[in-house]
Amino acid sequence: MNNYIYVLLIKLLYNDVPTDWQLSFQDAASPIMEEIHFLHDYIMVIAPAICITIFWFILKSILSKFKYKYWTEGTVIEIIWTIIPAVILVFIAFPSLKLLYLIDETMEPSITVKAVGHQWYWSYEYSDYTDVDLEFDSYMIPTSDLELGDNRLLEVDNSLVLPIQSHVRLMVTSADVIHSFAVPSLGIKVDAIPGRLNQSDLFMKRPGLFYGQCSEICGSNHSFMPIAIRGVSLETFVDWVESKISEE
């Protein structure tokens, strides 16, 4: 019972997994995802205002017939219809360009991780350790083996463990067909293409277990290759690396 209450509290505190009837984004755990939230909310204030204004103009023009003819035709209304949308687009363009710049920006990484997509699982390689090959495969846990609080089609046997408050360089590629490495809470979506190495910067602001899935239709078991990234403190990460190395 205590474990069940603990799981419920964690799910109420952070929304890092899809929930039933969810309409909004998952809770942001990275600066990029926070900017995506802001841009979405910002545009969702402007867009309804535009729709309501246009609907009001249409309705007023229909009801008043030709009494207010200057609302629908004439030089003045044409100038207004040109200038106001241009100003609105400028206000939308600035945060959009800022977000595009932030997504494309790469920082000096503290650690580099390579994610390789397979049909149908992921494998991870920590390339900063030259003495040993620190790599492992990550398979989905079958529904019959799930425990209390686990998420169906999202749990894996080996999570990708990364330190929080650290810049991580994520290299993504594929060993067979095109996949896509996507984790909504972290604002990551990188295509895994055979013969090509794509790069993304990852920065987690808080600890947690963040879920994602392959978002490219890669075959019959496309929906059975989830991603689980566990954000831990730097000390915990070092202990995890040492335990992994000792297993080699």
C-alpha atoms as a PDB file:
ATOM      1  CA  MET A   1       0.000   0.000   0.000  1.00  0.00           C
ATOM      2  CA  ASN A   2       2.848   2.389   0.856  1.00  0.00           C
ATOM      3  CA  ASN A   3       4.503   1.726  -2.509  1.00  0.00           C
ATOM      4  CA  TYR A   4       1.219   2.426  -4.288  1.00  0.00           C
ATOM      5  CA  ILE A   5       0.826   5.783  -2.483  1.00  0.00           C
ATOM      6  CA  TYR A   6       4.444   6.677  -3.306  1.00  0.00           C
ATOM      7  CA  VAL A   7       3.880   5.964  -7.003  1.00  0.00           C
ATOM      8  CA  LEU A   8       0.732   8.091  -7.043  1.00  0.00           C
ATOM      9  CA  LEU A   9       2.536  11.008  -5.375  1.00  0.00           C
ATOM     10  CA  ILE A  10       5.362  10.868  -7.922  1.00  0.00           C
ATOM     11  CA  LYS A  11       2.888  10.825 -10.817  1.00  0.00           C
ATOM     12  CA  LEU A  12       1.009  13.787  -9.342  1.00  0.00           C
ATOM     13  CA  LEU A  13       4.210  15.759  -8.781  1.00  0.00           C
ATOM     14  CA  TYR A  14       5.707  15.275 -12.241  1.00  0.00           C
ATOM     15  CA  ASN A  15       3.972  14.400 -15.481  1.00  0.00           C
ATOM     16  CA  ASP A  16       6.850  12.716 -17.331  1.00  0.00           C
ATOM     17  CA  VAL A  17       4.715  10.027 -18.961  1.00  0.00           C
ATOM     18  CA  PRO A  18       1.602  10.198 -21.153  1.00  0.00           C
ATOM     19  CA  THR A  19      -1.629  10.173 -19.177  1.00  0.00           C
ATOM     20  CA  ASP A  20      -5.199   9.319 -20.104  1.00  0.00           C
ATOM     21  CA  TRP A  21      -7.009  12.126 -21.948  1.00  0.00           C
ATOM     22  CA  GLN A  22      -3.951  14.355 -21.760  1.00  0.00           C
ATOM     23  CA  LEU A  23      -4.206  17.554 -23.828  1.00  0.00           C
ATOM     24  CA  SER A  24      -1.139  19.486 -22.679  1.00  0.00           C
ATOM     25  CA  PHE A  25       2.583  18.768 -22.893  1.00  0.00           C
ATOM     26  CA  GLN A  26       4.434  16.634 -20.402  1.00  0.00           C
ATOM     27  CA  ASP A  27       6.231  18.573 -17.657  1.00  0.00           C
ATOM     28  CA  ALA A  28       9.441  20.174 -18.897  1.00  0.00           C
ATOM     29  CA  ALA A  29      12.734  18.881 -17.497  1.00  0.00           C
ATOM     30  CA  SER A  30      15.121  20.801 -19.775  1.00  0.00           C
ATOM     31  CA  PRO A  31      15.542  24.459 -20.827  1.00  0.00           C
ATOM     32  CA  ILE A  32      14.614  23.587 -24.416  1.00  0.00           C
ATOM     33  CA  MET A  33      11.299  22.049 -23.385  1.00  0.00           C
ATOM     34  CA  GLU A  34      10.556  25.066 -21.182  1.00  0.00           C
ATOM     35  CA  GLU A  35      11.021  27.324 -24.216  1.00  0.00           C
ATOM     36  CA  ILE A  36       8.743  25.063 -26.259  1.00  0.00           C
ATOM     37  CA  HIS A  37       6.088  25.380 -23.538  1.00  0.00           C
ATOM     38  CA  PHE A  38       6.446  29.160 -23.569  1.00  0.00           C
ATOM     39  CA  LEU A  39       6.176  29.437 -27.364  1.00  0.00           C
ATOM     40  CA  HIS A  40       3.112  27.180 -27.405  1.00  0.00           C
ATOM     41  CA  ASP A  41       1.321  29.153 -24.680  1.00  0.00           C
ATOM     42  CA  TYR A  42       2.362  32.439 -26.300  1.00  0.00           C
ATOM     43  CA  ILE A  43       0.903  31.495 -29.685  1.00  0.00           C
ATOM     44  CA  MET A  44      -2.209  30.009 -28.080  1.00  0.00           C
ATOM     45  CA  VAL A  45      -2.992  33.479 -26.698  1.00  0.00           C
ATOM     46  CA  ILE A  46      -2.564  35.152 -30.098  1.00  0.00           C
ATOM     47  CA  ALA A  47      -4.322  32.540 -32.256  1.00  0.00           C
ATOM     48  CA  PRO A  48      -7.716  32.535 -30.437  1.00  0.00           C
ATOM     49  CA  ALA A  49      -7.699  36.354 -30.391  1.00  0.00           C
ATOM     50  CA  ILE A  50      -7.243  36.376 -34.178  1.00  0.00           C
ATOM     51  CA  CYS A  51     -10.010  33.803 -34.679  1.00  0.00           C
ATOM     52  CA  ILE A  52     -12.464  35.681 -32.443  1.00  0.00           C
ATOM     53  CA  THR A  53     -11.719  39.020 -34.148  1.00  0.00           C
ATOM     54  CA  ILE A  54     -12.169  37.614 -37.652  1.00  0.00           C
ATOM     55  CA  PHE A  55     -15.344  35.794 -36.656  1.00  0.00           C
ATOM     56  CA  TRP A  56     -16.697  39.047 -35.183  1.00  0.00           C
ATOM     57  CA  PHE A  57     -15.923  40.923 -38.427  1.00  0.00           C
ATOM     58  CA  ILE A  58     -17.651  38.255 -40.519  1.00  0.00           C
ATOM     59  CA  LEU A  59     -20.677  38.116 -38.260  1.00  0.00           C
ATOM     60  CA  LYS A  60     -20.965  41.917 -38.107  1.00  0.00           C
ATOM     61  CA  SER A  61     -20.698  42.201 -41.876  1.00  0.00           C
ATOM     62  CA  ILE A  62     -23.419  39.592 -42.419  1.00  0.00           C
ATOM     63  CA  LEU A  63     -25.854  41.020 -39.861  1.00  0.00           C
ATOM     64  CA  SER A  64     -25.426  44.648 -40.860  1.00  0.00           C
ATOM     65  CA  LYS A  65     -25.533  43.742 -44.544  1.00  0.00           C
ATOM     66  CA  PHE A  66     -24.144  46.726 -46.417  1.00  0.00           C
ATOM     67  CA  LYS A  67     -24.604  49.311 -43.679  1.00  0.00           C
ATOM     68  CA  TYR A  68     -20.896  49.190 -42.721  1.00  0.00           C
ATOM     69  CA  LYS A  69     -19.491  48.608 -46.173  1.00  0.00           C
ATOM     70  CA  TYR A  70     -16.061  50.053 -45.267  1.00  0.00           C
ATOM     71  CA  TRP A  71     -15.466  47.034 -43.000  1.00  0.00           C
ATOM     72  CA  THR A  72     -15.280  44.655 -45.955  1.00  0.00           C
ATOM     73  CA  GLU A  73     -13.895  46.754 -48.822  1.00  0.00           C
ATOM     74  CA  GLY A  74     -11.910  49.904 -49.402  1.00  0.00           C
ATOM     75  CA  THR A  75      -8.345  51.208 -49.187  1.00  0.00           C
ATOM     76  CA  VAL A  76      -8.306  51.671 -45.414  1.00  0.00           C
ATOM     77  CA  ILE A  77      -9.399  48.133 -44.567  1.00  0.00           C
ATOM     78  CA  GLU A  78      -6.954  46.689 -47.100  1.00  0.00           C
ATOM     79  CA  ILE A  79      -4.079  48.561 -45.432  1.00  0.00           C
ATOM     80  CA  ILE A  80      -5.210  47.375 -41.989  1.00  0.00           C
ATOM     81  CA  TRP A  81      -5.503  43.767 -43.200  1.00  0.00           C
ATOM     82  CA  THR A  82      -1.919  43.964 -44.471  1.00  0.00           C
ATOM     83  CA  ILE A  83      -0.188  45.776 -41.617  1.00  0.00           C
ATOM     84  CA  ILE A  84      -1.747  44.021 -38.605  1.00  0.00           C
ATOM     85  CA  PRO A  85      -0.959  40.433 -39.772  1.00  0.00           C
ATOM     86  CA  ALA A  86       2.602  41.522 -40.571  1.00  0.00           C
ATOM     87  CA  VAL A  87       3.028  42.920 -37.053  1.00  0.00           C
ATOM     88  CA  ILE A  88       1.580  39.728 -35.536  1.00  0.00           C
ATOM     89  CA  LEU A  89       3.986  37.582 -37.569  1.00  0.00           C
ATOM     90  CA  VAL A  90       6.914  39.657 -36.301  1.00  0.00           C
ATOM     91  CA  PHE A  91       5.851  39.088 -32.696  1.00  0.00           C
ATOM     92  CA  ILE A  92       5.637  35.343 -33.373  1.00  0.00           C
ATOM     93  CA  ALA A  93       8.909  35.221 -35.335  1.00  0.00           C
ATOM     94  CA  PHE A  94      11.174  36.528 -32.571  1.00  0.00           C
ATOM     95  CA  PRO A  95      10.484  33.763 -29.981  1.00  0.00           C
ATOM     96  CA  SER A  96      10.413  31.177 -32.780  1.00  0.00           C
ATOM     97  CA  LEU A  97      13.862  32.169 -34.040  1.00  0.00           C
ATOM     98  CA  LYS A  98      15.159  32.245 -30.471  1.00  0.00           C
ATOM     99  CA  LEU A  99      13.940  28.684 -29.925  1.00  0.00           C
ATOM    100  CA  LEU A 100      15.451  27.480 -33.215  1.00  0.00           C
ATOM    101  CA  TYR A 101      18.786  29.005 -32.202  1.00  0.00           C
ATOM    102  CA  LEU A 102      18.685  27.350 -28.765  1.00  0.00           C
ATOM    103  CA  ILE A 103      17.884  23.943 -30.262  1.00  0.00           C
ATOM    104  CA  ASP A 104      20.762  24.216 -32.724  1.00  0.00           C
ATOM    105  CA  GLU A 105      23.255  25.508 -30.152  1.00  0.00           C
ATOM    106  CA  THR A 106      25.795  22.975 -28.863  1.00  0.00           C
ATOM    107  CA  MET A 107      27.725  23.450 -25.635  1.00  0.00           C
ATOM    108  CA  GLU A 108      31.004  21.934 -24.515  1.00  0.00           C
ATOM    109  CA  PRO A 109      29.779  18.511 -23.330  1.00  0.00           C
ATOM    110  CA  SER A 110      30.619  16.930 -20.001  1.00  0.00           C
ATOM    111  CA  ILE A 111      29.799  13.493 -21.346  1.00  0.00           C
ATOM    112  CA  THR A 112      29.074  11.956 -24.745  1.00  0.00           C
ATOM    113  CA  VAL A 113      26.561   9.165 -25.303  1.00  0.00           C
ATOM    114  CA  LYS A 114      25.797   7.347 -28.539  1.00  0.00           C
ATOM    115  CA  ALA A 115      22.306   5.919 -29.107  1.00  0.00           C
ATOM    116  CA  VAL A 116      21.922   3.301 -31.850  1.00  0.00           C
ATOM    117  CA  GLY A 117      18.499   2.247 -33.085  1.00  0.00           C
ATOM    118  CA  HIS A 118      17.829  -1.381 -33.982  1.00  0.00           C
ATOM    119  CA  GLN A 119      14.757  -3.356 -34.977  1.00  0.00           C
ATOM    120  CA  TRP A 120      13.374  -3.135 -32.317  1.00  0.00           C
ATOM    121  CA  TYR A 121      15.442  -1.914 -29.395  1.00  0.00           C
ATOM    122  CA  TRP A 122      18.042   0.721 -28.529  1.00  0.00           C
ATOM    123  CA  SER A 123      21.679   0.302 -27.610  1.00  0.00           C
ATOM    124  CA  TYR A 124      23.775   2.907 -25.797  1.00  0.00           C
ATOM    125  CA  GLU A 125      27.515   3.541 -25.817  1.00  0.00           C
ATOM    126  CA  TYR A 126      29.459   5.756 -23.401  1.00  0.00           C
ATOM    127  CA  SER A 127      32.437   6.799 -25.493  1.00  0.00           C
ATOM    128  CA  ASP A 128      34.320   8.810 -22.830  1.00  0.00           C
ATOM    129  CA  TYR A 129      35.855   5.716 -21.237  1.00  0.00           C
ATOM    130  CA  THR A 130      38.769   4.403 -23.280  1.00  0.00           C
ATOM    131  CA  ASP A 131      39.808   1.542 -20.981  1.00  0.00           C
ATOM    132  CA  VAL A 132      36.551  -0.378 -21.345  1.00  0.00           C
ATOM    133  CA  ASP A 133      33.648  -0.510 -23.773  1.00  0.00           C
ATOM    134  CA  LEU A 134      30.774   0.741 -21.646  1.00  0.00           C
ATOM    135  CA  GLU A 135      27.772  -0.194 -23.770  1.00  0.00           C
ATOM    136  CA  PHE A 136      24.529  -2.095 -23.320  1.00  0.00           C
ATOM    137  CA  ASP A 137      21.220  -2.865 -25.006  1.00  0.00           C
ATOM    138  CA  SER A 138      17.859  -1.590 -23.809  1.00  0.00           C
ATOM    139  CA  TYR A 139      14.795  -3.783 -24.428  1.00  0.00           C
ATOM    140  CA  MET A 140      11.171  -3.173 -23.527  1.00  0.00           C
ATOM    141  CA  ILE A 141       9.858  -5.076 -20.511  1.00  0.00           C
ATOM    142  CA  PRO A 142       6.918  -7.333 -21.528  1.00  0.00           C
ATOM    143  CA  THR A 143       3.530  -6.520 -20.073  1.00  0.00           C
ATOM    144  CA  SER A 144       3.498  -9.794 -18.125  1.00  0.00           C
ATOM    145  CA  ASP A 145       6.660  -8.769 -16.232  1.00  0.00           C
ATOM    146  CA  LEU A 146       5.544  -5.266 -15.193  1.00  0.00           C
ATOM    147  CA  GLU A 147       5.451  -4.351 -11.503  1.00  0.00           C
ATOM    148  CA  LEU A 148       3.315  -1.932  -9.513  1.00  0.00           C
ATOM    149  CA  GLY A 149       3.600   1.588 -10.913  1.00  0.00           C
ATOM    150  CA  ASP A 150       5.294   0.550 -14.172  1.00  0.00           C
ATOM    151  CA  ASN A 151       4.092   2.008 -17.442  1.00  0.00           C
ATOM    152  CA  ARG A 152       3.021  -0.372 -20.190  1.00  0.00           C
ATOM    153  CA  LEU A 153       5.096  -0.189 -23.399  1.00  0.00           C
ATOM    154  CA  LEU A 154       7.481   2.320 -21.771  1.00  0.00           C
ATOM    155  CA  GLU A 155       9.535   0.366 -19.222  1.00  0.00           C
ATOM    156  CA  VAL A 156      12.933  -1.018 -20.250  1.00  0.00           C
ATOM    157  CA  ASP A 157      15.378  -3.441 -18.667  1.00  0.00           C
ATOM    158  CA  ASN A 158      18.338  -1.009 -18.918  1.00  0.00           C
ATOM    159  CA  SER A 159      17.691   2.726 -18.641  1.00  0.00           C
ATOM    160  CA  LEU A 160      20.034   5.330 -20.067  1.00  0.00           C
ATOM    161  CA  VAL A 161      21.571   6.859 -16.928  1.00  0.00           C
ATOM    162  CA  LEU A 162      22.791  10.455 -17.229  1.00  0.00           C
ATOM    163  CA  PRO A 163      23.845  13.152 -14.741  1.00  0.00           C
ATOM    164  CA  ILE A 164      21.618  16.168 -14.164  1.00  0.00           C
ATOM    165  CA  GLN A 165      22.865  19.758 -14.376  1.00  0.00           C
ATOM    166  CA  SER A 166      25.419  18.636 -16.971  1.00  0.00           C
ATOM    167  CA  HIS A 167      25.681  19.170 -20.706  1.00  0.00           C
ATOM    168  CA  VAL A 168      25.382  15.847 -22.505  1.00  0.00           C
ATOM    169  CA  ARG A 169      26.211  15.356 -26.175  1.00  0.00           C
ATOM    170  CA  LEU A 170      23.847  12.796 -27.665  1.00  0.00           C
ATOM    171  CA  MET A 171      24.945  11.097 -30.887  1.00  0.00           C
ATOM    172  CA  VAL A 172      22.163   9.201 -32.652  1.00  0.00           C
ATOM    173  CA  THR A 173      22.405   6.715 -35.516  1.00  0.00           C
ATOM    174  CA  SER A 174      20.800   3.496 -36.719  1.00  0.00           C
ATOM    175  CA  ALA A 175      22.037   0.008 -37.520  1.00  0.00           C
ATOM    176  CA  ASP A 176      19.254  -0.948 -39.941  1.00  0.00           C
ATOM    177  CA  VAL A 177      16.316   1.301 -40.859  1.00  0.00           C
ATOM    178  CA  ILE A 178      15.367   4.877 -39.991  1.00  0.00           C
ATOM    179  CA  HIS A 179      14.353   5.378 -36.351  1.00  0.00           C
ATOM    180  CA  SER A 180      13.742   8.519 -34.286  1.00  0.00           C
ATOM    181  CA  PHE A 181      14.966   9.152 -30.742  1.00  0.00           C
ATOM    182  CA  ALA A 182      12.244  11.206 -29.027  1.00  0.00           C
ATOM    183  CA  VAL A 183      11.786  12.117 -25.349  1.00  0.00           C
ATOM    184  CA  PRO A 184       9.001  14.724 -24.892  1.00  0.00           C
ATOM    185  CA  SER A 185       9.906  15.869 -21.351  1.00  0.00           C
ATOM    186  CA  LEU A 186      13.430  16.739 -22.486  1.00  0.00           C
ATOM    187  CA  GLY A 187      12.440  18.328 -25.785  1.00  0.00           C
ATOM    188  CA  ILE A 188      14.472  15.825 -27.833  1.00  0.00           C
ATOM    189  CA  LYS A 189      13.597  14.402 -31.231  1.00  0.00           C
ATOM    190  CA  VAL A 190      16.540  13.241 -33.324  1.00  0.00           C
ATOM    191  CA  ASP A 191      16.340  11.032 -36.410  1.00  0.00           C
ATOM    192  CA  ALA A 192      18.450   7.862 -36.342  1.00  0.00           C
ATOM    193  CA  ILE A 193      19.564   7.300 -39.935  1.00  0.00           C
ATOM    194  CA  PRO A 194      21.789   4.413 -41.094  1.00  0.00           C
ATOM    195  CA  GLY A 195      25.254   5.630 -42.079  1.00  0.00           C
ATOM    196  CA  ARG A 196      24.702   9.072 -40.583  1.00  0.00           C
ATOM    197  CA  LEU A 197      25.502  10.454 -37.119  1.00  0.00           C
ATOM    198  CA  ASN A 198      23.117  13.142 -35.841  1.00  0.00           C
ATOM    199  CA  GLN A 199      23.926  15.221 -32.776  1.00  0.00           C
ATOM    200  CA  SER A 200      21.841  16.890 -30.098  1.00  0.00           C
ATOM    201  CA  ASP A 201      22.579  18.668 -26.826  1.00  0.00           C
ATOM    202  CA  LEU A 202      20.841  17.462 -23.666  1.00  0.00           C
ATOM    203  CA  PHE A 203      20.624  19.224 -20.306  1.00  0.00           C
ATOM    204  CA  MET A 204      18.421  17.898 -17.502  1.00  0.00           C
ATOM    205  CA  LYS A 205      17.463  20.362 -14.785  1.00  0.00           C
ATOM    206  CA  ARG A 206      16.030  17.862 -12.299  1.00  0.00           C
ATOM    207  CA  PRO A 207      16.255  14.173 -11.459  1.00  0.00           C
ATOM    208  CA  GLY A 208      13.624  11.780 -12.724  1.00  0.00           C
ATOM    209  CA  LEU A 209      12.795   8.981 -15.104  1.00  0.00           C
ATOM    210  CA  PHE A 210      11.882  10.372 -18.508  1.00  0.00           C
ATOM    211  CA  TYR A 211      10.150   8.212 -21.100  1.00  0.00           C
ATOM    212  CA  GLY A 212      10.096   8.364 -24.864  1.00  0.00           C
ATOM    213  CA  GLN A 213       9.567   6.179 -27.895  1.00  0.00           C
ATOM    214  CA  CYS A 214      10.749   5.768 -31.440  1.00  0.00           C
ATOM    215  CA  SER A 215       8.643   8.294 -33.365  1.00  0.00           C
ATOM    216  CA  GLU A 216       9.445   6.947 -36.828  1.00  0.00           C
ATOM    217  CA  ILE A 217       7.399   4.085 -38.258  1.00  0.00           C
ATOM    218  CA  CYS A 218      10.254   1.577 -38.460  1.00  0.00           C
ATOM    219  CA  GLY A 219       8.459  -1.737 -38.838  1.00  0.00           C
ATOM    220  CA  SER A 220       5.969  -4.120 -37.276  1.00  0.00           C
ATOM    221  CA  ASN A 221       7.341  -3.691 -33.729  1.00  0.00           C
ATOM    222  CA  HIS A 222       7.749   0.078 -34.014  1.00  0.00           C
ATOM    223  CA  SER A 223       5.739   0.681 -30.836  1.00  0.00           C
ATOM    224  CA  PHE A 224       7.839  -1.758 -28.797  1.00  0.00           C
ATOM    225  CA  MET A 225      11.174   0.085 -28.614  1.00  0.00           C
ATOM    226  CA  PRO A 226      10.717   2.652 -25.830  1.00  0.00           C
ATOM    227  CA  ILE A 227      13.329   5.013 -24.390  1.00  0.00           C
ATOM    228  CA  ALA A 228      13.894   5.537 -20.673  1.00  0.00           C
ATOM    229  CA  ILE A 229      16.396   8.150 -19.465  1.00  0.00           C
ATOM    230  CA  ARG A 230      17.140   8.252 -15.752  1.00  0.00           C
ATOM    231  CA  GLY A 231      18.475  11.600 -14.518  1.00  0.00           C
ATOM    232  CA  VAL A 232      20.589  11.256 -11.376  1.00  0.00           C
ATOM    233  CA  SER A 233      23.067  13.359  -9.430  1.00  0.00           C
ATOM    234  CA  LEU A 234      26.678  13.424 -10.534  1.00  0.00           C
ATOM    235  CA  GLU A 235      27.785  11.348  -7.524  1.00  0.00           C
ATOM    236  CA  THR A 236      25.156   8.693  -8.253  1.00  0.00           C
ATOM    237  CA  PHE A 237      26.186   8.661 -11.912  1.00  0.00           C
ATOM    238  CA  VAL A 238      29.849   8.124 -11.008  1.00  0.00           C
ATOM    239  CA  ASP A 239      28.889   5.225  -8.719  1.00  0.00           C
ATOM    240  CA  TRP A 240      26.755   3.732 -11.512  1.00  0.00           C
ATOM    241  CA  VAL A 241      29.613   3.983 -14.010  1.00  0.00           C
ATOM    242  CA  GLU A 242      32.015   2.329 -11.575  1.00  0.00           C
ATOM    243  CA  SER A 243      29.570  -0.524 -10.974  1.00  0.00           C
ATOM    244  CA  LYS A 244      29.103  -0.990 -14.732  1.00  0.00           C
ATOM    245  CA  ILE A 245      32.857  -1.003 -15.342  1.00  0.00           C
ATOM    246  CA  SER A 246      33.396  -3.556 -12.584  1.00  0.00           C
ATOM    247  CA  GLU A 247      30.906  -5.857 -14.324  1.00  0.00           C
ATOM    248  CA  GLU A 248      32.956  -5.863 -17.520  1.00  0.00           C
END
